[in-house]
Amino acid sequence: MDDNFNYTVNPYLTVDGAAAALDFYAKAFGAVEKARMPAQDGKRLMHAEIALNGGVVMLSDNFPEFCSDGEVTLPSIDKPAPVQVALHFKTPADVDAMHKRATGAGAKSIMAPEDTFWNARFAVVADPFGHRWMFNAPLPAKA
């Protein structure tokens, strides 16, 4: 790989109700909407982007009509996506604050903030669209 090339990884979430998801992510996580592309049907979003915690998350509504294998399944609160999104913070207090903000906006707490054996403050929430979000921050060094 060319070390001069800048690589990034951006999660791309498929949800049922992308416009509502954009509103939720703004309220729950402080996300800032950067792009919104409505589909031709005028009901769904073909593509959207949010800036979140120094990165970009992309999302869209489901478009089963464009799936060639017919095996489209959407995550839900009861059957979450098998991949989670991790947000890394500088301080343990940031994890606690984000967990409180997200659950206050309607996210379900999967794991309340706690200090872990890997020397981090960690928490997990589930959004109403079937995606789980992990919050992680290093614990202060022990003297």
Protein backbone atom coordinates (compact mmCIF):
# COMPACT_ATOMS: atom_id res chain seq x y z
CA MET A 1 0.00 0.00 0.00
CA ASP A 2 1.12 3.50 -0.77
CA ASP A 3 1.84 5.30 2.52
CA ASN A 4 1.18 8.63 0.80
CA PHE A 5 -2.45 7.74 0.17
CA ASN A 6 -4.92 8.85 2.83
CA TYR A 7 -7.24 5.97 3.75
CA THR A 8 -10.48 6.41 5.68
CA VAL A 9 -13.22 4.05 6.72
CA ASN A 10 -16.79 5.28 6.86
CA PRO A 11 -19.72 3.22 8.07
CA TYR A 12 -22.70 3.14 5.73
CA LEU A 13 -25.93 2.40 7.58
CA THR A 14 -29.15 1.19 5.98
CA VAL A 15 -32.21 2.16 7.98
CA ASP A 16 -35.97 2.22 7.77
CA GLY A 17 -36.60 5.97 7.89
CA ALA A 18 -33.36 7.75 6.97
CA ALA A 19 -34.82 11.24 7.46
CA ALA A 20 -35.91 10.33 11.00
CA ALA A 21 -32.50 8.74 11.60
CA LEU A 22 -30.77 12.00 10.65
CA ASP A 23 -32.89 13.85 13.21
CA PHE A 24 -32.22 11.21 15.85
CA TYR A 25 -28.44 11.18 15.31
CA ALA A 26 -28.34 14.96 15.60
CA LYS A 27 -30.23 14.88 18.89
CA ALA A 28 -28.59 11.76 20.37
CA PHE A 29 -24.98 12.23 19.24
CA GLY A 30 -24.66 15.84 18.11
CA ALA A 31 -24.24 14.76 14.48
CA VAL A 32 -24.21 17.49 11.84
CA GLU A 33 -25.94 16.76 8.55
CA LYS A 34 -23.60 17.29 5.58
CA ALA A 35 -25.59 15.86 2.66
CA ARG A 36 -29.10 14.64 1.87
CA MET A 37 -30.09 13.17 -1.50
CA PRO A 38 -33.78 12.32 -1.85
CA ALA A 39 -34.75 9.32 -3.97
CA GLN A 40 -36.88 9.73 -7.05
CA ASP A 41 -39.92 8.42 -5.15
CA GLY A 42 -39.81 11.56 -2.97
CA LYS A 43 -40.24 9.45 0.17
CA ARG A 44 -36.89 7.83 0.85
CA LEU A 45 -33.33 9.09 1.00
CA MET A 46 -30.93 7.60 -1.54
CA HIS A 47 -27.92 8.91 0.39
CA ALA A 48 -27.09 11.10 3.38
CA GLU A 49 -23.95 12.00 5.29
CA ILE A 50 -23.39 13.22 8.84
CA ALA A 51 -20.27 14.50 10.53
CA LEU A 52 -19.89 12.78 13.87
CA ASN A 53 -17.08 12.77 16.42
CA GLY A 54 -14.46 13.75 13.83
CA GLY A 55 -15.63 11.24 11.20
CA VAL A 56 -18.31 10.72 8.59
CA VAL A 57 -21.21 8.29 8.77
CA MET A 58 -23.24 7.69 5.63
CA LEU A 59 -26.75 6.28 5.51
CA SER A 60 -29.75 5.62 3.33
CA ASP A 61 -33.16 4.10 3.33
CA ASN A 62 -33.51 0.53 2.15
CA PHE A 63 -33.87 -0.04 -1.60
CA PRO A 64 -34.73 -3.74 -2.02
CA GLU A 65 -35.64 -3.15 -5.66
CA PHE A 66 -31.94 -2.59 -6.39
CA CYS A 67 -30.72 -5.69 -4.55
CA SER A 68 -29.93 -8.42 -7.04
CA ASP A 69 -29.97 -11.33 -4.58
CA GLY A 70 -33.29 -10.46 -2.92
CA GLU A 71 -31.84 -11.06 0.54
CA VAL A 72 -32.29 -7.57 1.99
CA THR A 73 -32.93 -7.46 5.72
CA LEU A 74 -33.04 -4.34 7.78
CA PRO A 75 -31.76 -4.23 11.33
CA SER A 76 -34.29 -3.50 14.04
CA ILE A 77 -34.20 -2.94 17.77
CA ASP A 78 -35.08 -6.65 18.18
CA LYS A 79 -32.60 -7.89 15.54
CA PRO A 80 -29.67 -5.45 15.53
CA ALA A 81 -27.12 -5.19 12.77
CA PRO A 82 -24.15 -7.53 13.27
CA VAL A 83 -21.73 -4.59 13.07
CA GLN A 84 -21.45 -1.82 15.64
CA VAL A 85 -20.16 1.74 15.31
CA ALA A 86 -17.47 2.76 17.81
CA LEU A 87 -17.02 6.35 18.93
CA HIS A 88 -13.75 7.09 20.72
CA PHE A 89 -13.49 9.90 23.24
CA LYS A 90 -10.66 11.59 25.13
CA THR A 91 -12.02 11.25 28.66
CA PRO A 92 -14.21 8.87 30.66
CA ALA A 93 -16.53 11.80 31.40
CA ASP A 94 -17.16 12.11 27.64
CA VAL A 95 -18.41 8.50 27.56
CA ASP A 96 -20.76 9.15 30.47
CA ALA A 97 -22.06 12.36 28.89
CA MET A 98 -22.66 10.74 25.49
CA HIS A 99 -24.45 7.78 27.06
CA LYS A 100 -26.70 10.15 29.00
CA ARG A 101 -27.37 12.28 25.90
CA ALA A 102 -28.12 9.25 23.69
CA THR A 103 -30.45 7.54 26.16
CA GLY A 104 -32.14 10.87 26.82
CA ALA A 105 -32.85 11.10 23.08
CA GLY A 106 -34.40 7.62 23.01
CA ALA A 107 -31.49 5.20 22.54
CA LYS A 108 -31.70 2.00 24.58
CA SER A 109 -28.84 1.37 26.99
CA ILE A 110 -27.25 -2.00 26.25
CA MET A 111 -24.32 -1.48 28.62
CA ALA A 112 -24.18 1.44 31.04
CA PRO A 113 -20.82 3.20 31.31
CA GLU A 114 -18.29 1.21 33.29
CA ASP A 115 -14.54 0.90 33.72
CA THR A 116 -13.29 -2.17 31.87
CA PHE A 117 -10.44 -4.64 32.19
CA TRP A 118 -8.86 -3.16 29.04
CA ASN A 119 -8.36 0.13 30.91
CA ALA A 120 -11.16 2.10 29.27
CA ARG A 121 -14.50 3.62 30.13
CA PHE A 122 -17.00 1.87 27.87
CA ALA A 123 -20.74 1.90 27.13
CA VAL A 124 -23.11 0.65 24.42
CA VAL A 125 -26.48 1.97 23.22
CA ALA A 126 -28.92 0.81 20.54
CA ASP A 127 -30.59 3.37 18.33
CA PRO A 128 -34.24 3.00 17.28
CA PHE A 129 -33.11 1.84 13.80
CA GLY A 130 -31.29 -1.32 14.88
CA HIS A 131 -27.73 -0.06 15.03
CA ARG A 132 -25.55 -0.27 18.13
CA TRP A 133 -23.07 2.40 19.12
CA MET A 134 -20.08 1.80 21.40
CA PHE A 135 -18.50 4.64 23.39
CA ASN A 136 -14.89 4.22 24.54
CA ALA A 137 -12.32 6.40 26.30
CA PRO A 138 -9.00 5.55 27.98
CA LEU A 139 -8.89 5.59 31.75
CA PRO A 140 -6.29 7.87 33.35
CA ALA A 141 -2.90 6.24 33.89
CA LYS A 142 -2.41 4.86 37.38
CA ALA A 143 0.37 6.44 39.37
